[in-house]
Amino acid sequence: MDLIAWIVVGFVAGFLAKAVMKGSEGIAQGWLATMLLGILGAVVGGWIWNIVFHSPGATGINVMSILVAFVGSCVVISLIRFFRARS
């Protein structure tokens, strides 16, 4: 994916993940942090997708890429919560 696609998919996926995951108000406050959460989610989601299905998950600005990035963002939020609760 090119840089613009990463930014768009990352922002949409981060926004959706923050909206769906209850109690994520303290995670990724602001539009830049939301975008970075989504980009990290796209990387994590793409990695998981590649392991399970042996094909690239995030390929551009499309629904499948947003879905993969959304799932990855939810995983990232869950990991952040887990490690915050332990400390």
PDB file of N, CA and C in Angstrom:
ATOM      1  N   MET A   1       0.854  -1.181   0.000  1.00  0.00           N
ATOM      2  CA  MET A   1       0.000   0.000   0.000  1.00  0.00           C
ATOM      3  C   MET A   1       0.894   1.236   0.000  1.00  0.00           C
ATOM      4  N   ASP A   2       0.428   2.291  -0.609  1.00  0.00           N
ATOM      5  CA  ASP A   2       1.183   3.524  -0.578  1.00  0.00           C
ATOM      6  C   ASP A   2       0.842   4.318   0.681  1.00  0.00           C
ATOM      7  N   LEU A   3       1.529   5.406   0.903  1.00  0.00           N
ATOM      8  CA  LEU A   3       1.409   6.182   2.136  1.00  0.00           C
ATOM      9  C   LEU A   3      -0.008   6.712   2.349  1.00  0.00           C
ATOM     10  N   ILE A   4      -0.635   7.221   1.312  1.00  0.00           N
ATOM     11  CA  ILE A   4      -1.994   7.762   1.445  1.00  0.00           C
ATOM     12  C   ILE A   4      -2.977   6.667   1.856  1.00  0.00           C
ATOM     13  N   ALA A   5      -2.834   5.486   1.268  1.00  0.00           N
ATOM     14  CA  ALA A   5      -3.713   4.374   1.632  1.00  0.00           C
ATOM     15  C   ALA A   5      -3.519   3.984   3.090  1.00  0.00           C
ATOM     16  N   TRP A   6      -2.271   3.936   3.565  1.00  0.00           N
ATOM     17  CA  TRP A   6      -2.007   3.616   4.973  1.00  0.00           C
ATOM     18  C   TRP A   6      -2.676   4.639   5.884  1.00  0.00           C
ATOM     19  N   ILE A   7      -2.588   5.913   5.526  1.00  0.00           N
ATOM     20  CA  ILE A   7      -3.165   6.969   6.359  1.00  0.00           C
ATOM     21  C   ILE A   7      -4.688   6.860   6.389  1.00  0.00           C
ATOM     22  N   VAL A   8      -5.314   6.706   5.229  1.00  0.00           N
ATOM     23  CA  VAL A   8      -6.774   6.637   5.165  1.00  0.00           C
ATOM     24  C   VAL A   8      -7.296   5.390   5.864  1.00  0.00           C
ATOM     25  N   VAL A   9      -6.752   4.233   5.515  1.00  0.00           N
ATOM     26  CA  VAL A   9      -7.192   2.977   6.133  1.00  0.00           C
ATOM     27  C   VAL A   9      -6.902   3.007   7.623  1.00  0.00           C
ATOM     28  N   GLY A  10      -5.746   3.522   8.019  1.00  0.00           N
ATOM     29  CA  GLY A  10      -5.391   3.601   9.428  1.00  0.00           C
ATOM     30  C   GLY A  10      -6.341   4.470  10.223  1.00  0.00           C
ATOM     31  N   PHE A  11      -6.702   5.620   9.685  1.00  0.00           N
ATOM     32  CA  PHE A  11      -7.610   6.501  10.417  1.00  0.00           C
ATOM     33  C   PHE A  11      -8.993   5.884  10.547  1.00  0.00           C
ATOM     34  N   VAL A  12      -9.517   5.338   9.456  1.00  0.00           N
ATOM     35  CA  VAL A  12     -10.856   4.738   9.501  1.00  0.00           C
ATOM     36  C   VAL A  12     -10.878   3.550  10.460  1.00  0.00           C
ATOM     37  N   ALA A  13      -9.883   2.671  10.363  1.00  0.00           N
ATOM     38  CA  ALA A  13      -9.840   1.489  11.223  1.00  0.00           C
ATOM     39  C   ALA A  13      -9.644   1.878  12.685  1.00  0.00           C
ATOM     40  N   GLY A  14      -8.782   2.838  12.965  1.00  0.00           N
ATOM     41  CA  GLY A  14      -8.576   3.294  14.342  1.00  0.00           C
ATOM     42  C   GLY A  14      -9.832   3.924  14.919  1.00  0.00           C
ATOM     43  N   PHE A  15     -10.517   4.712  14.114  1.00  0.00           N
ATOM     44  CA  PHE A  15     -11.759   5.339  14.563  1.00  0.00           C
ATOM     45  C   PHE A  15     -12.823   4.288  14.879  1.00  0.00           C
ATOM     46  N   LEU A  16     -12.975   3.312  13.989  1.00  0.00           N
ATOM     47  CA  LEU A  16     -13.968   2.259  14.209  1.00  0.00           C
ATOM     48  C   LEU A  16     -13.623   1.404  15.430  1.00  0.00           C
ATOM     49  N   ALA A  17     -12.356   1.080  15.591  1.00  0.00           N
ATOM     50  CA  ALA A  17     -11.949   0.259  16.729  1.00  0.00           C
ATOM     51  C   ALA A  17     -12.180   0.991  18.048  1.00  0.00           C
ATOM     52  N   LYS A  18     -11.873   2.280  18.087  1.00  0.00           N
ATOM     53  CA  LYS A  18     -12.126   3.052  19.308  1.00  0.00           C
ATOM     54  C   LYS A  18     -13.617   3.159  19.594  1.00  0.00           C
ATOM     55  N   ALA A  19     -14.429   3.216  18.551  1.00  0.00           N
ATOM     56  CA  ALA A  19     -15.879   3.316  18.741  1.00  0.00           C
ATOM     57  C   ALA A  19     -16.470   2.003  19.240  1.00  0.00           C
ATOM     58  N   VAL A  20     -15.937   0.876  18.768  1.00  0.00           N
ATOM     59  CA  VAL A  20     -16.489  -0.429  19.120  1.00  0.00           C
ATOM     60  C   VAL A  20     -15.982  -0.911  20.477  1.00  0.00           C
ATOM     61  N   MET A  21     -14.712  -0.707  20.752  1.00  0.00           N
ATOM     62  CA  MET A  21     -14.120  -1.195  21.999  1.00  0.00           C
ATOM     63  C   MET A  21     -14.499  -0.250  23.145  1.00  0.00           C
ATOM     64  N   LYS A  22     -15.347  -0.717  24.033  1.00  0.00           N
ATOM     65  CA  LYS A  22     -15.794   0.103  25.161  1.00  0.00           C
ATOM     66  C   LYS A  22     -14.634   0.356  26.112  1.00  0.00           C
ATOM     67  N   GLY A  23     -14.588   1.543  26.684  1.00  0.00           N
ATOM     68  CA  GLY A  23     -13.554   1.889  27.638  1.00  0.00           C
ATOM     69  C   GLY A  23     -12.220   2.249  27.020  1.00  0.00           C
ATOM     70  N   SER A  24     -12.199   2.589  25.732  1.00  0.00           N
ATOM     71  CA  SER A  24     -10.940   2.944  25.082  1.00  0.00           C
ATOM     72  C   SER A  24     -10.757   4.454  24.983  1.00  0.00           C
ATOM     73  N   GLU A  25     -11.399   5.200  25.890  1.00  0.00           N
ATOM     74  CA  GLU A  25     -11.294   6.666  25.834  1.00  0.00           C
ATOM     75  C   GLU A  25      -9.875   7.152  26.090  1.00  0.00           C
ATOM     76  N   GLY A  26      -9.132   6.462  26.958  1.00  0.00           N
ATOM     77  CA  GLY A  26      -7.778   6.879  27.274  1.00  0.00           C
ATOM     78  C   GLY A  26      -6.746   6.389  26.287  1.00  0.00           C
ATOM     79  N   ILE A  27      -7.162   5.635  25.291  1.00  0.00           N
ATOM     80  CA  ILE A  27      -6.248   5.081  24.302  1.00  0.00           C
ATOM     81  C   ILE A  27      -6.387   5.874  23.010  1.00  0.00           C
ATOM     82  N   ALA A  28      -5.280   6.343  22.500  1.00  0.00           N
ATOM     83  CA  ALA A  28      -5.225   7.023  21.202  1.00  0.00           C
ATOM     84  C   ALA A  28      -6.145   8.232  21.162  1.00  0.00           C
ATOM     85  N   GLN A  29      -5.868   9.204  22.008  1.00  0.00           N
ATOM     86  CA  GLN A  29      -6.660  10.437  21.996  1.00  0.00           C
ATOM     87  C   GLN A  29      -6.133  11.358  20.906  1.00  0.00           C
ATOM     88  N   GLY A  30      -7.027  11.885  20.104  1.00  0.00           N
ATOM     89  CA  GLY A  30      -6.658  12.778  19.012  1.00  0.00           C
ATOM     90  C   GLY A  30      -6.611  12.048  17.690  1.00  0.00           C
ATOM     91  N   TRP A  31      -6.681  12.809  16.614  1.00  0.00           N
ATOM     92  CA  TRP A  31      -6.767  12.210  15.289  1.00  0.00           C
ATOM     93  C   TRP A  31      -5.461  11.549  14.869  1.00  0.00           C
ATOM     94  N   LEU A  32      -4.317  12.129  15.262  1.00  0.00           N
ATOM     95  CA  LEU A  32      -3.024  11.540  14.886  1.00  0.00           C
ATOM     96  C   LEU A  32      -2.814  10.199  15.602  1.00  0.00           C
ATOM     97  N   ALA A  33      -3.138  10.154  16.881  1.00  0.00           N
ATOM     98  CA  ALA A  33      -3.008   8.897  17.627  1.00  0.00           C
ATOM     99  C   ALA A  33      -3.988   7.854  17.113  1.00  0.00           C
ATOM    100  N   THR A  34      -5.174   8.279  16.720  1.00  0.00           N
ATOM    101  CA  THR A  34      -6.154   7.354  16.140  1.00  0.00           C
ATOM    102  C   THR A  34      -5.629   6.775  14.835  1.00  0.00           C
ATOM    103  N   MET A  35      -5.028   7.615  14.016  1.00  0.00           N
ATOM    104  CA  MET A  35      -4.462   7.167  12.757  1.00  0.00           C
ATOM    105  C   MET A  35      -3.305   6.191  13.003  1.00  0.00           C
ATOM    106  N   LEU A  36      -2.441   6.506  13.954  1.00  0.00           N
ATOM    107  CA  LEU A  36      -1.318   5.619  14.263  1.00  0.00           C
ATOM    108  C   LEU A  36      -1.802   4.288  14.827  1.00  0.00           C
ATOM    109  N   LEU A  37      -2.856   4.321  15.643  1.00  0.00           N
ATOM    110  CA  LEU A  37      -3.455   3.089  16.145  1.00  0.00           C
ATOM    111  C   LEU A  37      -3.953   2.240  14.976  1.00  0.00           C
ATOM    112  N   GLY A  38      -4.610   2.846  14.018  1.00  0.00           N
ATOM    113  CA  GLY A  38      -5.108   2.123  12.853  1.00  0.00           C
ATOM    114  C   GLY A  38      -4.002   1.581  11.972  1.00  0.00           C
ATOM    115  N   ILE A  39      -2.932   2.351  11.804  1.00  0.00           N
ATOM    116  CA  ILE A  39      -1.795   1.879  11.003  1.00  0.00           C
ATOM    117  C   ILE A  39      -1.126   0.692  11.695  1.00  0.00           C
ATOM    118  N   LEU A  40      -0.919   0.796  13.001  1.00  0.00           N
ATOM    119  CA  LEU A  40      -0.370  -0.336  13.752  1.00  0.00           C
ATOM    120  C   LEU A  40      -1.320  -1.526  13.687  1.00  0.00           C
ATOM    121  N   GLY A  41      -2.619  -1.243  13.750  1.00  0.00           N
ATOM    122  CA  GLY A  41      -3.617  -2.298  13.606  1.00  0.00           C
ATOM    123  C   GLY A  41      -3.568  -2.955  12.241  1.00  0.00           C
ATOM    124  N   ALA A  42      -3.299  -2.178  11.200  1.00  0.00           N
ATOM    125  CA  ALA A  42      -3.184  -2.750   9.854  1.00  0.00           C
ATOM    126  C   ALA A  42      -1.983  -3.682   9.763  1.00  0.00           C
ATOM    127  N   VAL A  43      -0.898  -3.297  10.413  1.00  0.00           N
ATOM    128  CA  VAL A  43       0.290  -4.153  10.412  1.00  0.00           C
ATOM    129  C   VAL A  43       0.006  -5.447  11.172  1.00  0.00           C
ATOM    130  N   VAL A  44      -0.564  -5.316  12.375  1.00  0.00           N
ATOM    131  CA  VAL A  44      -0.878  -6.502  13.187  1.00  0.00           C
ATOM    132  C   VAL A  44      -1.932  -7.369  12.495  1.00  0.00           C
ATOM    133  N   GLY A  45      -2.999  -6.735  12.006  1.00  0.00           N
ATOM    134  CA  GLY A  45      -4.045  -7.481  11.318  1.00  0.00           C
ATOM    135  C   GLY A  45      -3.543  -8.156  10.053  1.00  0.00           C
ATOM    136  N   GLY A  46      -2.695  -7.471   9.306  1.00  0.00           N
ATOM    137  CA  GLY A  46      -2.112  -8.064   8.102  1.00  0.00           C
ATOM    138  C   GLY A  46      -1.214  -9.238   8.422  1.00  0.00           C
ATOM    139  N   TRP A  47      -0.475  -9.134   9.517  1.00  0.00           N
ATOM    140  CA  TRP A  47       0.387 -10.226   9.951  1.00  0.00           C
ATOM    141  C   TRP A  47      -0.450 -11.448  10.333  1.00  0.00           C
ATOM    142  N   ILE A  48      -1.512 -11.227  11.113  1.00  0.00           N
ATOM    143  CA  ILE A  48      -2.401 -12.323  11.509  1.00  0.00           C
ATOM    144  C   ILE A  48      -3.077 -12.930  10.272  1.00  0.00           C
ATOM    145  N   TRP A  49      -3.569 -12.075   9.384  1.00  0.00           N
ATOM    146  CA  TRP A  49      -4.244 -12.542   8.169  1.00  0.00           C
ATOM    147  C   TRP A  49      -3.297 -13.390   7.322  1.00  0.00           C
ATOM    148  N   ASN A  50      -2.055 -12.942   7.194  1.00  0.00           N
ATOM    149  CA  ASN A  50      -1.074 -13.666   6.388  1.00  0.00           C
ATOM    150  C   ASN A  50      -0.760 -15.031   6.996  1.00  0.00           C
ATOM    151  N   ILE A  51      -0.692 -15.120   8.317  1.00  0.00           N
ATOM    152  CA  ILE A  51      -0.434 -16.397   8.973  1.00  0.00           C
ATOM    153  C   ILE A  51      -1.604 -17.359   8.754  1.00  0.00           C
ATOM    154  N   VAL A  52      -2.823 -16.864   8.897  1.00  0.00           N
ATOM    155  CA  VAL A  52      -4.001 -17.728   8.813  1.00  0.00           C
ATOM    156  C   VAL A  52      -4.336 -18.098   7.367  1.00  0.00           C
ATOM    157  N   PHE A  53      -4.343 -17.131   6.473  1.00  0.00           N
ATOM    158  CA  PHE A  53      -4.830 -17.364   5.106  1.00  0.00           C
ATOM    159  C   PHE A  53      -3.734 -17.378   4.031  1.00  0.00           C
ATOM    160  N   HIS A  54      -2.491 -17.095   4.387  1.00  0.00           N
ATOM    161  CA  HIS A  54      -1.362 -17.104   3.454  1.00  0.00           C
ATOM    162  C   HIS A  54      -1.576 -16.178   2.261  1.00  0.00           C
ATOM    163  N   SER A  55      -2.161 -15.028   2.527  1.00  0.00           N
ATOM    164  CA  SER A  55      -2.334 -14.011   1.494  1.00  0.00           C
ATOM    165  C   SER A  55      -2.264 -12.645   2.174  1.00  0.00           C
ATOM    166  N   PRO A  56      -1.913 -11.598   1.430  1.00  0.00           N
ATOM    167  CA  PRO A  56      -1.849 -10.273   2.051  1.00  0.00           C
ATOM    168  C   PRO A  56      -3.239  -9.789   2.450  1.00  0.00           C
ATOM    169  N   GLY A  57      -3.336  -9.162   3.619  1.00  0.00           N
ATOM    170  CA  GLY A  57      -4.636  -8.705   4.107  1.00  0.00           C
ATOM    171  C   GLY A  57      -4.946  -7.266   3.733  1.00  0.00           C
ATOM    172  N   ALA A  58      -4.012  -6.363   4.003  1.00  0.00           N
ATOM    173  CA  ALA A  58      -4.215  -4.949   3.716  1.00  0.00           C
ATOM    174  C   ALA A  58      -3.545  -4.642   2.379  1.00  0.00           C
ATOM    175  N   THR A  59      -4.352  -4.376   1.354  1.00  0.00           N
ATOM    176  CA  THR A  59      -3.813  -4.203   0.008  1.00  0.00           C
ATOM    177  C   THR A  59      -4.092  -2.843  -0.616  1.00  0.00           C
ATOM    178  N   GLY A  60      -4.829  -1.996   0.045  1.00  0.00           N
ATOM    179  CA  GLY A  60      -5.156  -0.680  -0.514  1.00  0.00           C
ATOM    180  C   GLY A  60      -6.372  -0.121   0.189  1.00  0.00           C
ATOM    181  N   ILE A  61      -6.966   0.883  -0.386  1.00  0.00           N
ATOM    182  CA  ILE A  61      -8.159   1.481   0.206  1.00  0.00           C
ATOM    183  C   ILE A  61      -9.370   0.689  -0.289  1.00  0.00           C
ATOM    184  N   ASN A  62      -9.763  -0.301   0.506  1.00  0.00           N
ATOM    185  CA  ASN A  62     -10.941  -1.111   0.201  1.00  0.00           C
ATOM    186  C   ASN A  62     -11.506  -1.653   1.508  1.00  0.00           C
ATOM    187  N   VAL A  63     -12.671  -2.253   1.427  1.00  0.00           N
ATOM    188  CA  VAL A  63     -13.371  -2.724   2.625  1.00  0.00           C
ATOM    189  C   VAL A  63     -12.571  -3.819   3.330  1.00  0.00           C
ATOM    190  N   MET A  64     -11.970  -4.718   2.575  1.00  0.00           N
ATOM    191  CA  MET A  64     -11.210  -5.812   3.178  1.00  0.00           C
ATOM    192  C   MET A  64     -10.016  -5.286   3.965  1.00  0.00           C
ATOM    193  N   SER A  65      -9.312  -4.316   3.433  1.00  0.00           N
ATOM    194  CA  SER A  65      -8.177  -3.731   4.147  1.00  0.00           C
ATOM    195  C   SER A  65      -8.629  -3.045   5.421  1.00  0.00           C
ATOM    196  N   ILE A  66      -9.751  -2.335   5.366  1.00  0.00           N
ATOM    197  CA  ILE A  66     -10.272  -1.666   6.556  1.00  0.00           C
ATOM    198  C   ILE A  66     -10.693  -2.697   7.589  1.00  0.00           C
ATOM    199  N   LEU A  67     -11.296  -3.798   7.159  1.00  0.00           N
ATOM    200  CA  LEU A  67     -11.698  -4.855   8.083  1.00  0.00           C
ATOM    201  C   LEU A  67     -10.483  -5.493   8.756  1.00  0.00           C
ATOM    202  N   VAL A  68      -9.450  -5.793   7.982  1.00  0.00           N
ATOM    203  CA  VAL A  68      -8.233  -6.380   8.540  1.00  0.00           C
ATOM    204  C   VAL A  68      -7.580  -5.406   9.518  1.00  0.00           C
ATOM    205  N   ALA A  69      -7.502  -4.147   9.157  1.00  0.00           N
ATOM    206  CA  ALA A  69      -6.913  -3.137  10.038  1.00  0.00           C
ATOM    207  C   ALA A  69      -7.767  -2.924  11.287  1.00  0.00           C
ATOM    208  N   PHE A  70      -9.074  -2.989  11.151  1.00  0.00           N
ATOM    209  CA  PHE A  70      -9.990  -2.858  12.286  1.00  0.00           C
ATOM    210  C   PHE A  70      -9.761  -3.982  13.290  1.00  0.00           C
ATOM    211  N   VAL A  71      -9.691  -5.208  12.804  1.00  0.00           N
ATOM    212  CA  VAL A  71      -9.448  -6.349  13.701  1.00  0.00           C
ATOM    213  C   VAL A  71      -8.088  -6.207  14.374  1.00  0.00           C
ATOM    214  N   GLY A  72      -7.088  -5.822  13.620  1.00  0.00           N
ATOM    215  CA  GLY A  72      -5.761  -5.601  14.193  1.00  0.00           C
ATOM    216  C   GLY A  72      -5.761  -4.491  15.225  1.00  0.00           C
ATOM    217  N   SER A  73      -6.513  -3.417  14.980  1.00  0.00           N
ATOM    218  CA  SER A  73      -6.610  -2.316  15.941  1.00  0.00           C
ATOM    219  C   SER A  73      -7.294  -2.765  17.224  1.00  0.00           C
ATOM    220  N   CYS A  74      -8.308  -3.609  17.108  1.00  0.00           N
ATOM    221  CA  CYS A  74      -8.963  -4.153  18.304  1.00  0.00           C
ATOM    222  C   CYS A  74      -7.993  -5.019  19.098  1.00  0.00           C
ATOM    223  N   VAL A  75      -7.154  -5.778  18.405  1.00  0.00           N
ATOM    224  CA  VAL A  75      -6.133  -6.585  19.082  1.00  0.00           C
ATOM    225  C   VAL A  75      -5.144  -5.670  19.801  1.00  0.00           C
ATOM    226  N   VAL A  76      -4.724  -4.596  19.146  1.00  0.00           N
ATOM    227  CA  VAL A  76      -3.779  -3.651  19.757  1.00  0.00           C
ATOM    228  C   VAL A  76      -4.393  -3.002  20.998  1.00  0.00           C
ATOM    229  N   ILE A  77      -5.646  -2.582  20.923  1.00  0.00           N
ATOM    230  CA  ILE A  77      -6.315  -1.991  22.083  1.00  0.00           C
ATOM    231  C   ILE A  77      -6.398  -3.006  23.219  1.00  0.00           C
ATOM    232  N   SER A  78      -6.709  -4.250  22.901  1.00  0.00           N
ATOM    233  CA  SER A  78      -6.785  -5.292  23.924  1.00  0.00           C
ATOM    234  C   SER A  78      -5.422  -5.520  24.576  1.00  0.00           C
ATOM    235  N   LEU A  79      -4.366  -5.519  23.783  1.00  0.00           N
ATOM    236  CA  LEU A  79      -3.024  -5.679  24.341  1.00  0.00           C
ATOM    237  C   LEU A  79      -2.633  -4.498  25.226  1.00  0.00           C
ATOM    238  N   ILE A  80      -2.987  -3.291  24.805  1.00  0.00           N
ATOM    239  CA  ILE A  80      -2.700  -2.111  25.627  1.00  0.00           C
ATOM    240  C   ILE A  80      -3.423  -2.218  26.957  1.00  0.00           C
ATOM    241  N   ARG A  81      -4.685  -2.611  26.941  1.00  0.00           N
ATOM    242  CA  ARG A  81      -5.450  -2.777  28.183  1.00  0.00           C
ATOM    243  C   ARG A  81      -4.811  -3.845  29.068  1.00  0.00           C
ATOM    244  N   PHE A  82      -4.412  -4.955  28.469  1.00  0.00           N
ATOM    245  CA  PHE A  82      -3.827  -6.051  29.228  1.00  0.00           C
ATOM    246  C   PHE A  82      -2.557  -5.606  29.948  1.00  0.00           C
ATOM    247  N   PHE A  83      -1.672  -4.919  29.225  1.00  0.00           N
ATOM    248  CA  PHE A  83      -0.411  -4.516  29.831  1.00  0.00           C
ATOM    249  C   PHE A  83      -0.585  -3.349  30.810  1.00  0.00           C
ATOM    250  N   ARG A  84      -1.568  -2.509  30.596  1.00  0.00           N
ATOM    251  CA  ARG A  84      -1.857  -1.434  31.579  1.00  0.00           C
ATOM    252  C   ARG A  84      -2.413  -2.015  32.867  1.00  0.00           C
ATOM    253  N   ALA A  85      -3.231  -3.050  32.777  1.00  0.00           N
ATOM    254  CA  ALA A  85      -3.822  -3.667  33.962  1.00  0.00           C
ATOM    255  C   ALA A  85      -2.771  -4.393  34.789  1.00  0.00           C
ATOM    256  N   ARG A  86      -1.743  -4.898  34.148  1.00  0.00           N
ATOM    257  CA  ARG A  86      -0.696  -5.626  34.855  1.00  0.00           C
ATOM    258  C   ARG A  86       0.241  -4.705  35.598  1.00  0.00           C
ATOM    259  N   SER A  87       0.343  -3.456  35.190  1.00  0.00           N
ATOM    260  CA  SER A  87       1.298  -2.550  35.855  1.00  0.00           C
ATOM    261  C   SER A  87       0.647  -1.725  36.938  1.00  0.00           C
TER     262      SER A  87
END
